[in-house]
Amino acid sequence: MNLGDMFKQAREVQSRLGDLQESLKRTPVTGESGAGLVKVTLNGRFEALRVEIDPLAATEERAVLEDLVAAAFNDAVRRVEAMHKEKMSDLAQGLGLPPGLNLPGILQ
């Protein structure tokens, strides 16, 4: 591979990474706890978009409800992380890059 091809591939990676970042920003991911009584929706930048509390959960003690919200938030975070990993793997594979290559800057 000559230098020109390397620069072309680098520009392609940068462009696809930018597209992926924008896509992740717009992708909502919902985590839940208490068998769906509490749901937290985040975007791909880990920003909270919505918290939903089923009326049945609202009758619980405050401490229980707080625990359910925290658990739903943590579930949403794990799901966003899994989405990032999957999308980055797909991007790397699509570009013919070796598996496990860490492409920095996904959340910039």
PDB file of N, CA and C in Angstrom:
ATOM      1  N   MET A   1       0.854  -1.174   0.000  1.00  0.00           N
ATOM      2  CA  MET A   1       0.000   0.000   0.000  1.00  0.00           C
ATOM      3  C   MET A   1       0.897   1.232   0.000  1.00  0.00           C
ATOM      4  N   ASN A   2       0.625   2.143  -0.924  1.00  0.00           N
ATOM      5  CA  ASN A   2       1.455   3.342  -0.995  1.00  0.00           C
ATOM      6  C   ASN A   2       0.914   4.419  -0.057  1.00  0.00           C
ATOM      7  N   LEU A   3       1.668   5.469   0.085  1.00  0.00           N
ATOM      8  CA  LEU A   3       1.337   6.538   1.021  1.00  0.00           C
ATOM      9  C   LEU A   3      -0.008   7.191   0.688  1.00  0.00           C
ATOM     10  N   GLY A   4      -0.280   7.393  -0.580  1.00  0.00           N
ATOM     11  CA  GLY A   4      -1.548   7.987  -0.998  1.00  0.00           C
ATOM     12  C   GLY A   4      -2.734   7.136  -0.584  1.00  0.00           C
ATOM     13  N   ASP A   5      -2.595   5.821  -0.746  1.00  0.00           N
ATOM     14  CA  ASP A   5      -3.668   4.914  -0.337  1.00  0.00           C
ATOM     15  C   ASP A   5      -3.876   4.943   1.170  1.00  0.00           C
ATOM     16  N   MET A   6      -2.780   5.058   1.913  1.00  0.00           N
ATOM     17  CA  MET A   6      -2.884   5.115   3.377  1.00  0.00           C
ATOM     18  C   MET A   6      -3.631   6.366   3.819  1.00  0.00           C
ATOM     19  N   PHE A   7      -3.315   7.506   3.172  1.00  0.00           N
ATOM     20  CA  PHE A   7      -4.010   8.747   3.514  1.00  0.00           C
ATOM     21  C   PHE A   7      -5.485   8.662   3.131  1.00  0.00           C
ATOM     22  N   LYS A   8      -5.770   8.058   1.998  1.00  0.00           N
ATOM     23  CA  LYS A   8      -7.154   7.891   1.565  1.00  0.00           C
ATOM     24  C   LYS A   8      -7.929   7.035   2.571  1.00  0.00           C
ATOM     25  N   GLN A   9      -7.302   5.946   3.024  1.00  0.00           N
ATOM     26  CA  GLN A   9      -7.958   5.075   4.000  1.00  0.00           C
ATOM     27  C   GLN A   9      -8.147   5.813   5.332  1.00  0.00           C
ATOM     28  N   ALA A  10      -7.164   6.610   5.728  1.00  0.00           N
ATOM     29  CA  ALA A  10      -7.279   7.368   6.976  1.00  0.00           C
ATOM     30  C   ALA A  10      -8.431   8.366   6.895  1.00  0.00           C
ATOM     31  N   ARG A  11      -8.595   9.035   5.750  1.00  0.00           N
ATOM     32  CA  ARG A  11      -9.708   9.974   5.573  1.00  0.00           C
ATOM     33  C   ARG A  11     -11.049   9.233   5.608  1.00  0.00           C
ATOM     34  N   GLU A  12     -11.078   8.039   5.025  1.00  0.00           N
ATOM     35  CA  GLU A  12     -12.300   7.239   5.031  1.00  0.00           C
ATOM     36  C   GLU A  12     -12.666   6.824   6.461  1.00  0.00           C
ATOM     37  N   VAL A  13     -11.664   6.404   7.227  1.00  0.00           N
ATOM     38  CA  VAL A  13     -11.899   6.028   8.624  1.00  0.00           C
ATOM     39  C   VAL A  13     -12.422   7.228   9.395  1.00  0.00           C
ATOM     40  N   GLN A  14     -11.816   8.382   9.206  1.00  0.00           N
ATOM     41  CA  GLN A  14     -12.237   9.586   9.907  1.00  0.00           C
ATOM     42  C   GLN A  14     -13.676   9.954   9.544  1.00  0.00           C
ATOM     43  N   SER A  15     -14.009   9.850   8.271  1.00  0.00           N
ATOM     44  CA  SER A  15     -15.360  10.175   7.829  1.00  0.00           C
ATOM     45  C   SER A  15     -16.384   9.210   8.412  1.00  0.00           C
ATOM     46  N   ARG A  16     -16.085   7.926   8.355  1.00  0.00           N
ATOM     47  CA  ARG A  16     -17.022   6.930   8.895  1.00  0.00           C
ATOM     48  C   ARG A  16     -17.150   7.043  10.407  1.00  0.00           C
ATOM     49  N   LEU A  17     -16.062   7.368  11.065  1.00  0.00           N
ATOM     50  CA  LEU A  17     -16.107   7.545  12.514  1.00  0.00           C
ATOM     51  C   LEU A  17     -16.989   8.737  12.875  1.00  0.00           C
ATOM     52  N   GLY A  18     -16.878   9.810  12.113  1.00  0.00           N
ATOM     53  CA  GLY A  18     -17.733  10.977  12.340  1.00  0.00           C
ATOM     54  C   GLY A  18     -19.203  10.634  12.131  1.00  0.00           C
ATOM     55  N   ASP A  19     -19.491   9.872  11.068  1.00  0.00           N
ATOM     56  CA  ASP A  19     -20.868   9.449  10.815  1.00  0.00           C
ATOM     57  C   ASP A  19     -21.375   8.576  11.954  1.00  0.00           C
ATOM     58  N   LEU A  20     -20.529   7.692  12.445  1.00  0.00           N
ATOM     59  CA  LEU A  20     -20.909   6.806  13.538  1.00  0.00           C
ATOM     60  C   LEU A  20     -21.185   7.603  14.810  1.00  0.00           C
ATOM     61  N   GLN A  21     -20.352   8.589  15.097  1.00  0.00           N
ATOM     62  CA  GLN A  21     -20.558   9.423  16.270  1.00  0.00           C
ATOM     63  C   GLN A  21     -21.912  10.123  16.211  1.00  0.00           C
ATOM     64  N   GLU A  22     -22.262  10.658  15.054  1.00  0.00           N
ATOM     65  CA  GLU A  22     -23.550  11.325  14.901  1.00  0.00           C
ATOM     66  C   GLU A  22     -24.697  10.346  15.070  1.00  0.00           C
ATOM     67  N   SER A  23     -24.535   9.161  14.519  1.00  0.00           N
ATOM     68  CA  SER A  23     -25.563   8.131  14.642  1.00  0.00           C
ATOM     69  C   SER A  23     -25.756   7.729  16.109  1.00  0.00           C
ATOM     70  N   LEU A  24     -24.663   7.566  16.830  1.00  0.00           N
ATOM     71  CA  LEU A  24     -24.747   7.185  18.231  1.00  0.00           C
ATOM     72  C   LEU A  24     -25.430   8.266  19.064  1.00  0.00           C
ATOM     73  N   LYS A  25     -25.174   9.524  18.754  1.00  0.00           N
ATOM     74  CA  LYS A  25     -25.812  10.621  19.483  1.00  0.00           C
ATOM     75  C   LYS A  25     -27.327  10.530  19.385  1.00  0.00           C
ATOM     76  N   ARG A  26     -27.814  10.113  18.219  1.00  0.00           N
ATOM     77  CA  ARG A  26     -29.257  10.096  17.968  1.00  0.00           C
ATOM     78  C   ARG A  26     -29.931   8.790  18.373  1.00  0.00           C
ATOM     79  N   THR A  27     -29.164   7.782  18.762  1.00  0.00           N
ATOM     80  CA  THR A  27     -29.742   6.472  19.048  1.00  0.00           C
ATOM     81  C   THR A  27     -30.135   6.364  20.514  1.00  0.00           C
ATOM     82  N   PRO A  28     -31.435   6.245  20.790  1.00  0.00           N
ATOM     83  CA  PRO A  28     -31.860   6.072  22.180  1.00  0.00           C
ATOM     84  C   PRO A  28     -31.689   4.620  22.627  1.00  0.00           C
ATOM     85  N   VAL A  29     -31.278   4.442  23.875  1.00  0.00           N
ATOM     86  CA  VAL A  29     -31.107   3.120  24.474  1.00  0.00           C
ATOM     87  C   VAL A  29     -31.806   3.151  25.827  1.00  0.00           C
ATOM     88  N   THR A  30     -32.658   2.162  26.074  1.00  0.00           N
ATOM     89  CA  THR A  30     -33.429   2.132  27.310  1.00  0.00           C
ATOM     90  C   THR A  30     -32.976   0.995  28.204  1.00  0.00           C
ATOM     91  N   GLY A  31     -32.681   1.333  29.447  1.00  0.00           N
ATOM     92  CA  GLY A  31     -32.391   0.342  30.469  1.00  0.00           C
ATOM     93  C   GLY A  31     -33.581   0.268  31.403  1.00  0.00           C
ATOM     94  N   GLU A  32     -33.743  -0.876  32.047  1.00  0.00           N
ATOM     95  CA  GLU A  32     -34.891  -1.005  32.935  1.00  0.00           C
ATOM     96  C   GLU A  32     -34.543  -1.818  34.164  1.00  0.00           C
ATOM     97  N   SER A  33     -35.403  -1.688  35.158  1.00  0.00           N
ATOM     98  CA  SER A  33     -35.252  -2.468  36.391  1.00  0.00           C
ATOM     99  C   SER A  33     -36.641  -2.742  36.943  1.00  0.00           C
ATOM    100  N   GLY A  34     -36.674  -3.636  37.923  1.00  0.00           N
ATOM    101  CA  GLY A  34     -37.949  -3.972  38.536  1.00  0.00           C
ATOM    102  C   GLY A  34     -38.928  -4.553  37.536  1.00  0.00           C
ATOM    103  N   ALA A  35     -38.414  -5.421  36.643  1.00  0.00           N
ATOM    104  CA  ALA A  35     -39.249  -6.049  35.603  1.00  0.00           C
ATOM    105  C   ALA A  35     -39.979  -5.002  34.761  1.00  0.00           C
ATOM    106  N   GLY A  36     -39.285  -3.895  34.474  1.00  0.00           N
ATOM    107  CA  GLY A  36     -39.852  -2.858  33.624  1.00  0.00           C
ATOM    108  C   GLY A  36     -40.626  -1.777  34.348  1.00  0.00           C
ATOM    109  N   LEU A  37     -40.636  -1.811  35.679  1.00  0.00           N
ATOM    110  CA  LEU A  37     -41.352  -0.776  36.426  1.00  0.00           C
ATOM    111  C   LEU A  37     -40.674   0.593  36.299  1.00  0.00           C
ATOM    112  N   VAL A  38     -39.351   0.577  36.159  1.00  0.00           N
ATOM    113  CA  VAL A  38     -38.597   1.818  35.982  1.00  0.00           C
ATOM    114  C   VAL A  38     -37.741   1.678  34.734  1.00  0.00           C
ATOM    115  N   LYS A  39     -37.818   2.689  33.862  1.00  0.00           N
ATOM    116  CA  LYS A  39     -37.039   2.698  32.624  1.00  0.00           C
ATOM    117  C   LYS A  39     -36.302   4.022  32.510  1.00  0.00           C
ATOM    118  N   VAL A  40     -35.038   3.939  32.075  1.00  0.00           N
ATOM    119  CA  VAL A  40     -34.229   5.128  31.837  1.00  0.00           C
ATOM    120  C   VAL A  40     -33.721   5.042  30.404  1.00  0.00           C
ATOM    121  N   THR A  41     -33.944   6.114  29.647  1.00  0.00           N
ATOM    122  CA  THR A  41     -33.493   6.158  28.258  1.00  0.00           C
ATOM    123  C   THR A  41     -32.350   7.160  28.141  1.00  0.00           C
ATOM    124  N   LEU A  42     -31.235   6.687  27.566  1.00  0.00           N
ATOM    125  CA  LEU A  42     -30.056   7.512  27.318  1.00  0.00           C
ATOM    126  C   LEU A  42     -29.811   7.575  25.819  1.00  0.00           C
ATOM    127  N   ASN A  43     -29.063   8.601  25.393  1.00  0.00           N
ATOM    128  CA  ASN A  43     -28.581   8.582  24.019  1.00  0.00           C
ATOM    129  C   ASN A  43     -27.173   7.997  24.020  1.00  0.00           C
ATOM    130  N   GLY A  44     -26.574   7.915  22.855  1.00  0.00           N
ATOM    131  CA  GLY A  44     -25.250   7.311  22.727  1.00  0.00           C
ATOM    132  C   GLY A  44     -24.132   8.095  23.374  1.00  0.00           C
ATOM    133  N   ARG A  45     -24.429   9.271  23.881  1.00  0.00           N
ATOM    134  CA  ARG A  45     -23.431  10.065  24.609  1.00  0.00           C
ATOM    135  C   ARG A  45     -23.666   9.989  26.109  1.00  0.00           C
ATOM    136  N   PHE A  46     -24.480   9.013  26.527  1.00  0.00           N
ATOM    137  CA  PHE A  46     -24.780   8.778  27.937  1.00  0.00           C
ATOM    138  C   PHE A  46     -25.567   9.921  28.571  1.00  0.00           C
ATOM    139  N   GLU A  47     -26.289  10.696  27.753  1.00  0.00           N
ATOM    140  CA  GLU A  47     -27.132  11.769  28.276  1.00  0.00           C
ATOM    141  C   GLU A  47     -28.534  11.208  28.521  1.00  0.00           C
ATOM    142  N   ALA A  48     -29.097  11.491  29.692  1.00  0.00           N
ATOM    143  CA  ALA A  48     -30.437  10.999  30.018  1.00  0.00           C
ATOM    144  C   ALA A  48     -31.466  11.746  29.180  1.00  0.00           C
ATOM    145  N   LEU A  49     -32.333  10.984  28.513  1.00  0.00           N
ATOM    146  CA  LEU A  49     -33.393  11.565  27.703  1.00  0.00           C
ATOM    147  C   LEU A  49     -34.748  11.479  28.397  1.00  0.00           C
ATOM    148  N   ARG A  50     -34.940  10.385  29.164  1.00  0.00           N
ATOM    149  CA  ARG A  50     -36.251  10.165  29.761  1.00  0.00           C
ATOM    150  C   ARG A  50     -36.134   9.185  30.921  1.00  0.00           C
ATOM    151  N   VAL A  51     -36.956   9.401  31.922  1.00  0.00           N
ATOM    152  CA  VAL A  51     -37.118   8.462  33.036  1.00  0.00           C
ATOM    153  C   VAL A  51     -38.605   8.152  33.115  1.00  0.00           C
ATOM    154  N   GLU A  52     -38.948   6.868  33.055  1.00  0.00           N
ATOM    155  CA  GLU A  52     -40.342   6.451  33.135  1.00  0.00           C
ATOM    156  C   GLU A  52     -40.524   5.593  34.389  1.00  0.00           C
ATOM    157  N   ILE A  53     -41.527   5.953  35.184  1.00  0.00           N
ATOM    158  CA  ILE A  53     -41.822   5.198  36.397  1.00  0.00           C
ATOM    159  C   ILE A  53     -43.268   4.732  36.310  1.00  0.00           C
ATOM    160  N   ASP A  54     -43.440   3.426  36.273  1.00  0.00           N
ATOM    161  CA  ASP A  54     -44.776   2.845  36.222  1.00  0.00           C
ATOM    162  C   ASP A  54     -45.530   3.246  37.490  1.00  0.00           C
ATOM    163  N   PRO A  55     -46.809   3.555  37.375  1.00  0.00           N
ATOM    164  CA  PRO A  55     -47.583   3.934  38.567  1.00  0.00           C
ATOM    165  C   PRO A  55     -47.520   2.878  39.679  1.00  0.00           C
ATOM    166  N   LEU A  56     -47.354   1.621  39.329  1.00  0.00           N
ATOM    167  CA  LEU A  56     -47.233   0.592  40.358  1.00  0.00           C
ATOM    168  C   LEU A  56     -45.955   0.783  41.182  1.00  0.00           C
ATOM    169  N   ALA A  57     -44.899   1.247  40.524  1.00  0.00           N
ATOM    170  CA  ALA A  57     -43.635   1.471  41.237  1.00  0.00           C
ATOM    171  C   ALA A  57     -43.734   2.687  42.152  1.00  0.00           C
ATOM    172  N   ALA A  58     -44.570   3.638  41.790  1.00  0.00           N
ATOM    173  CA  ALA A  58     -44.700   4.865  42.581  1.00  0.00           C
ATOM    174  C   ALA A  58     -45.266   4.588  43.973  1.00  0.00           C
ATOM    175  N   THR A  59     -45.865   3.439  44.160  1.00  0.00           N
ATOM    176  CA  THR A  59     -46.401   3.107  45.482  1.00  0.00           C
ATOM    177  C   THR A  59     -45.337   2.500  46.396  1.00  0.00           C
ATOM    178  N   GLU A  60     -44.155   2.206  45.840  1.00  0.00           N
ATOM    179  CA  GLU A  60     -43.057   1.642  46.632  1.00  0.00           C
ATOM    180  C   GLU A  60     -42.474   2.705  47.563  1.00  0.00           C
ATOM    181  N   GLU A  61     -41.735   2.253  48.547  1.00  0.00           N
ATOM    182  CA  GLU A  61     -41.024   3.188  49.428  1.00  0.00           C
ATOM    183  C   GLU A  61     -40.023   3.982  48.599  1.00  0.00           C
ATOM    184  N   ARG A  62     -39.748   5.168  49.046  1.00  0.00           N
ATOM    185  CA  ARG A  62     -38.831   6.049  48.323  1.00  0.00           C
ATOM    186  C   ARG A  62     -37.474   5.388  48.097  1.00  0.00           C
ATOM    187  N   ALA A  63     -36.917   4.740  49.098  1.00  0.00           N
ATOM    188  CA  ALA A  63     -35.597   4.107  48.967  1.00  0.00           C
ATOM    189  C   ALA A  63     -35.614   3.012  47.902  1.00  0.00           C
ATOM    190  N   VAL A  64     -36.687   2.241  47.844  1.00  0.00           N
ATOM    191  CA  VAL A  64     -36.808   1.193  46.837  1.00  0.00           C
ATOM    192  C   VAL A  64     -36.885   1.817  45.445  1.00  0.00           C
ATOM    193  N   LEU A  65     -37.670   2.865  45.307  1.00  0.00           N
ATOM    194  CA  LEU A  65     -37.806   3.547  44.028  1.00  0.00           C
ATOM    195  C   LEU A  65     -36.475   4.149  43.582  1.00  0.00           C
ATOM    196  N   GLU A  66     -35.749   4.746  44.503  1.00  0.00           N
ATOM    197  CA  GLU A  66     -34.434   5.305  44.173  1.00  0.00           C
ATOM    198  C   GLU A  66     -33.493   4.212  43.693  1.00  0.00           C
ATOM    199  N   ASP A  67     -33.521   3.053  44.348  1.00  0.00           N
ATOM    200  CA  ASP A  67     -32.683   1.930  43.921  1.00  0.00           C
ATOM    201  C   ASP A  67     -33.065   1.452  42.525  1.00  0.00           C
ATOM    202  N   LEU A  68     -34.361   1.426  42.241  1.00  0.00           N
ATOM    203  CA  LEU A  68     -34.822   1.001  40.918  1.00  0.00           C
ATOM    204  C   LEU A  68     -34.373   1.976  39.833  1.00  0.00           C
ATOM    205  N   VAL A  69     -34.422   3.262  40.125  1.00  0.00           N
ATOM    206  CA  VAL A  69     -33.967   4.262  39.152  1.00  0.00           C
ATOM    207  C   VAL A  69     -32.471   4.100  38.898  1.00  0.00           C
ATOM    208  N   ALA A  70     -31.691   3.939  39.954  1.00  0.00           N
ATOM    209  CA  ALA A  70     -30.243   3.756  39.796  1.00  0.00           C
ATOM    210  C   ALA A  70     -29.939   2.493  38.996  1.00  0.00           C
ATOM    211  N   ALA A  71     -30.649   1.410  39.292  1.00  0.00           N
ATOM    212  CA  ALA A  71     -30.421   0.156  38.569  1.00  0.00           C
ATOM    213  C   ALA A  71     -30.790   0.295  37.095  1.00  0.00           C
ATOM    214  N   ALA A  72     -31.881   0.990  36.795  1.00  0.00           N
ATOM    215  CA  ALA A  72     -32.280   1.202  35.402  1.00  0.00           C
ATOM    216  C   ALA A  72     -31.260   2.062  34.674  1.00  0.00           C
ATOM    217  N   PHE A  73     -30.747   3.087  35.346  1.00  0.00           N
ATOM    218  CA  PHE A  73     -29.718   3.938  34.738  1.00  0.00           C
ATOM    219  C   PHE A  73     -28.471   3.117  34.424  1.00  0.00           C
ATOM    220  N   ASN A  74     -28.030   2.312  35.386  1.00  0.00           N
ATOM    221  CA  ASN A  74     -26.840   1.477  35.161  1.00  0.00           C
ATOM    222  C   ASN A  74     -27.061   0.474  34.039  1.00  0.00           C
ATOM    223  N   ASP A  75     -28.267  -0.076  33.936  1.00  0.00           N
ATOM    224  CA  ASP A  75     -28.581  -0.994  32.844  1.00  0.00           C
ATOM    225  C   ASP A  75     -28.498  -0.271  31.505  1.00  0.00           C
ATOM    226  N   ALA A  76     -29.002   0.961  31.447  1.00  0.00           N
ATOM    227  CA  ALA A  76     -28.933   1.743  30.210  1.00  0.00           C
ATOM    228  C   ALA A  76     -27.489   2.042  29.832  1.00  0.00           C
ATOM    229  N   VAL A  77     -26.655   2.362  30.811  1.00  0.00           N
ATOM    230  CA  VAL A  77     -25.233   2.636  30.543  1.00  0.00           C
ATOM    231  C   VAL A  77     -24.570   1.399  29.941  1.00  0.00           C
ATOM    232  N   ARG A  78     -24.819   0.228  30.533  1.00  0.00           N
ATOM    233  CA  ARG A  78     -24.234  -1.013  29.984  1.00  0.00           C
ATOM    234  C   ARG A  78     -24.699  -1.259  28.550  1.00  0.00           C
ATOM    235  N   ARG A  79     -25.951  -0.943  28.266  1.00  0.00           N
ATOM    236  CA  ARG A  79     -26.473  -1.141  26.916  1.00  0.00           C
ATOM    237  C   ARG A  79     -25.848  -0.163  25.918  1.00  0.00           C
ATOM    238  N   VAL A  80     -25.630   1.077  26.339  1.00  0.00           N
ATOM    239  CA  VAL A  80     -24.964   2.049  25.460  1.00  0.00           C
ATOM    240  C   VAL A  80     -23.533   1.596  25.191  1.00  0.00           C
ATOM    241  N   GLU A  81     -22.831   1.135  26.225  1.00  0.00           N
ATOM    242  CA  GLU A  81     -21.466   0.640  26.035  1.00  0.00           C
ATOM    243  C   GLU A  81     -21.437  -0.536  25.063  1.00  0.00           C
ATOM    244  N   ALA A  82     -22.389  -1.447  25.184  1.00  0.00           N
ATOM    245  CA  ALA A  82     -22.456  -2.592  24.275  1.00  0.00           C
ATOM    246  C   ALA A  82     -22.730  -2.128  22.845  1.00  0.00           C
ATOM    247  N   MET A  83     -23.590  -1.109  22.698  1.00  0.00           N
ATOM    248  CA  MET A  83     -23.882  -0.578  21.371  1.00  0.00           C
ATOM    249  C   MET A  83     -22.628   0.037  20.765  1.00  0.00           C
ATOM    250  N   HIS A  84     -21.873   0.787  21.559  1.00  0.00           N
ATOM    251  CA  HIS A  84     -20.622   1.386  21.072  1.00  0.00           C
ATOM    252  C   HIS A  84     -19.676   0.295  20.586  1.00  0.00           C
ATOM    253  N   LYS A  85     -19.502  -0.733  21.401  1.00  0.00           N
ATOM    254  CA  LYS A  85     -18.580  -1.813  21.053  1.00  0.00           C
ATOM    255  C   LYS A  85     -19.007  -2.489  19.753  1.00  0.00           C
ATOM    256  N   GLU A  86     -20.292  -2.756  19.619  1.00  0.00           N
ATOM    257  CA  GLU A  86     -20.796  -3.417  18.414  1.00  0.00           C
ATOM    258  C   GLU A  86     -20.590  -2.544  17.177  1.00  0.00           C
ATOM    259  N   LYS A  87     -20.934  -1.260  17.283  1.00  0.00           N
ATOM    260  CA  LYS A  87     -20.811  -0.353  16.136  1.00  0.00           C
ATOM    261  C   LYS A  87     -19.349  -0.150  15.736  1.00  0.00           C
ATOM    262  N   MET A  88     -18.468  -0.044  16.724  1.00  0.00           N
ATOM    263  CA  MET A  88     -17.044   0.127  16.415  1.00  0.00           C
ATOM    264  C   MET A  88     -16.489  -1.129  15.762  1.00  0.00           C
ATOM    265  N   SER A  89     -16.914  -2.290  16.227  1.00  0.00           N
ATOM    266  CA  SER A  89     -16.475  -3.551  15.636  1.00  0.00           C
ATOM    267  C   SER A  89     -16.947  -3.642  14.189  1.00  0.00           C
ATOM    268  N   ASP A  90     -18.208  -3.259  13.965  1.00  0.00           N
ATOM    269  CA  ASP A  90     -18.742  -3.266  12.602  1.00  0.00           C
ATOM    270  C   ASP A  90     -17.963  -2.316  11.703  1.00  0.00           C
ATOM    271  N   LEU A  91     -17.644  -1.128  12.219  1.00  0.00           N
ATOM    272  CA  LEU A  91     -16.884  -0.147  11.445  1.00  0.00           C
ATOM    273  C   LEU A  91     -15.509  -0.686  11.100  1.00  0.00           C
ATOM    274  N   ALA A  92     -14.813  -1.224  12.087  1.00  0.00           N
ATOM    275  CA  ALA A  92     -13.464  -1.752  11.857  1.00  0.00           C
ATOM    276  C   ALA A  92     -13.491  -2.892  10.848  1.00  0.00           C
ATOM    277  N   GLN A  93     -14.473  -3.767  10.987  1.00  0.00           N
ATOM    278  CA  GLN A  93     -14.590  -4.899  10.073  1.00  0.00           C
ATOM    279  C   GLN A  93     -14.880  -4.404   8.657  1.00  0.00           C
ATOM    280  N   GLY A  94     -15.756  -3.411   8.540  1.00  0.00           N
ATOM    281  CA  GLY A  94     -16.105  -2.858   7.234  1.00  0.00           C
ATOM    282  C   GLY A  94     -14.929  -2.192   6.540  1.00  0.00           C
ATOM    283  N   LEU A  95     -13.981  -1.718   7.323  1.00  0.00           N
ATOM    284  CA  LEU A  95     -12.801  -1.066   6.768  1.00  0.00           C
ATOM    285  C   LEU A  95     -11.643  -2.038   6.590  1.00  0.00           C
ATOM    286  N   GLY A  96     -11.857  -3.290   6.976  1.00  0.00           N
ATOM    287  CA  GLY A  96     -10.799  -4.283   6.844  1.00  0.00           C
ATOM    288  C   GLY A  96      -9.705  -4.138   7.882  1.00  0.00           C
ATOM    289  N   LEU A  97     -10.031  -3.520   9.014  1.00  0.00           N
ATOM    290  CA  LEU A  97      -9.046  -3.343  10.077  1.00  0.00           C
ATOM    291  C   LEU A  97      -9.023  -4.593  10.946  1.00  0.00           C
ATOM    292  N   PRO A  98      -7.917  -4.840  11.628  1.00  0.00           N
ATOM    293  CA  PRO A  98      -7.829  -6.051  12.455  1.00  0.00           C
ATOM    294  C   PRO A  98      -8.811  -6.015  13.620  1.00  0.00           C
ATOM    295  N   PRO A  99      -9.353  -7.186  14.007  1.00  0.00           N
ATOM    296  CA  PRO A  99     -10.273  -7.246  15.143  1.00  0.00           C
ATOM    297  C   PRO A  99      -9.608  -6.749  16.416  1.00  0.00           C
ATOM    298  N   GLY A 100     -10.397  -6.077  17.256  1.00  0.00           N
ATOM    299  CA  GLY A 100      -9.881  -5.605  18.531  1.00  0.00           C
ATOM    300  C   GLY A 100      -9.149  -4.278  18.453  1.00  0.00           C
ATOM    301  N   LEU A 101      -9.033  -3.707  17.252  1.00  0.00           N
ATOM    302  CA  LEU A 101      -8.363  -2.417  17.116  1.00  0.00           C
ATOM    303  C   LEU A 101      -9.206  -1.353  17.792  1.00  0.00           C
ATOM    304  N   ASN A 102      -8.607  -0.603  18.693  1.00  0.00           N
ATOM    305  CA  ASN A 102      -9.324   0.435  19.421  1.00  0.00           C
ATOM    306  C   ASN A 102      -9.245   1.735  18.637  1.00  0.00           C
ATOM    307  N   LEU A 103     -10.402   2.198  18.139  1.00  0.00           N
ATOM    308  CA  LEU A 103     -10.441   3.462  17.417  1.00  0.00           C
ATOM    309  C   LEU A 103     -10.815   4.556  18.418  1.00  0.00           C
ATOM    310  N   PRO A 104      -9.890   5.419  18.799  1.00  0.00           N
ATOM    311  CA  PRO A 104     -10.161   6.427  19.818  1.00  0.00           C
ATOM    312  C   PRO A 104     -11.080   7.513  19.289  1.00  0.00           C
ATOM    313  N   GLY A 105     -11.678   8.240  20.234  1.00  0.00           N
ATOM    314  CA  GLY A 105     -12.437   9.426  19.874  1.00  0.00           C
ATOM    315  C   GLY A 105     -13.887   9.204  19.573  1.00  0.00           C
ATOM    316  N   ILE A 106     -14.448   8.048  19.912  1.00  0.00           N
ATOM    317  CA  ILE A 106     -15.829   7.770  19.565  1.00  0.00           C
ATOM    318  C   ILE A 106     -16.802   8.729  20.240  1.00  0.00           C
ATOM    319  N   LEU A 107     -16.478   9.234  21.406  1.00  0.00           N
ATOM    320  CA  LEU A 107     -17.433  10.090  22.127  1.00  0.00           C
ATOM    321  C   LEU A 107     -17.107  11.577  22.022  1.00  0.00           C
ATOM    322  N   GLN A 108     -16.231  11.966  21.147  1.00  0.00           N
ATOM    323  CA  GLN A 108     -15.890  13.381  21.025  1.00  0.00           C
ATOM    324  C   GLN A 108     -16.991  14.145  20.370  1.00  0.00           C
TER     325      GLN A 108
END
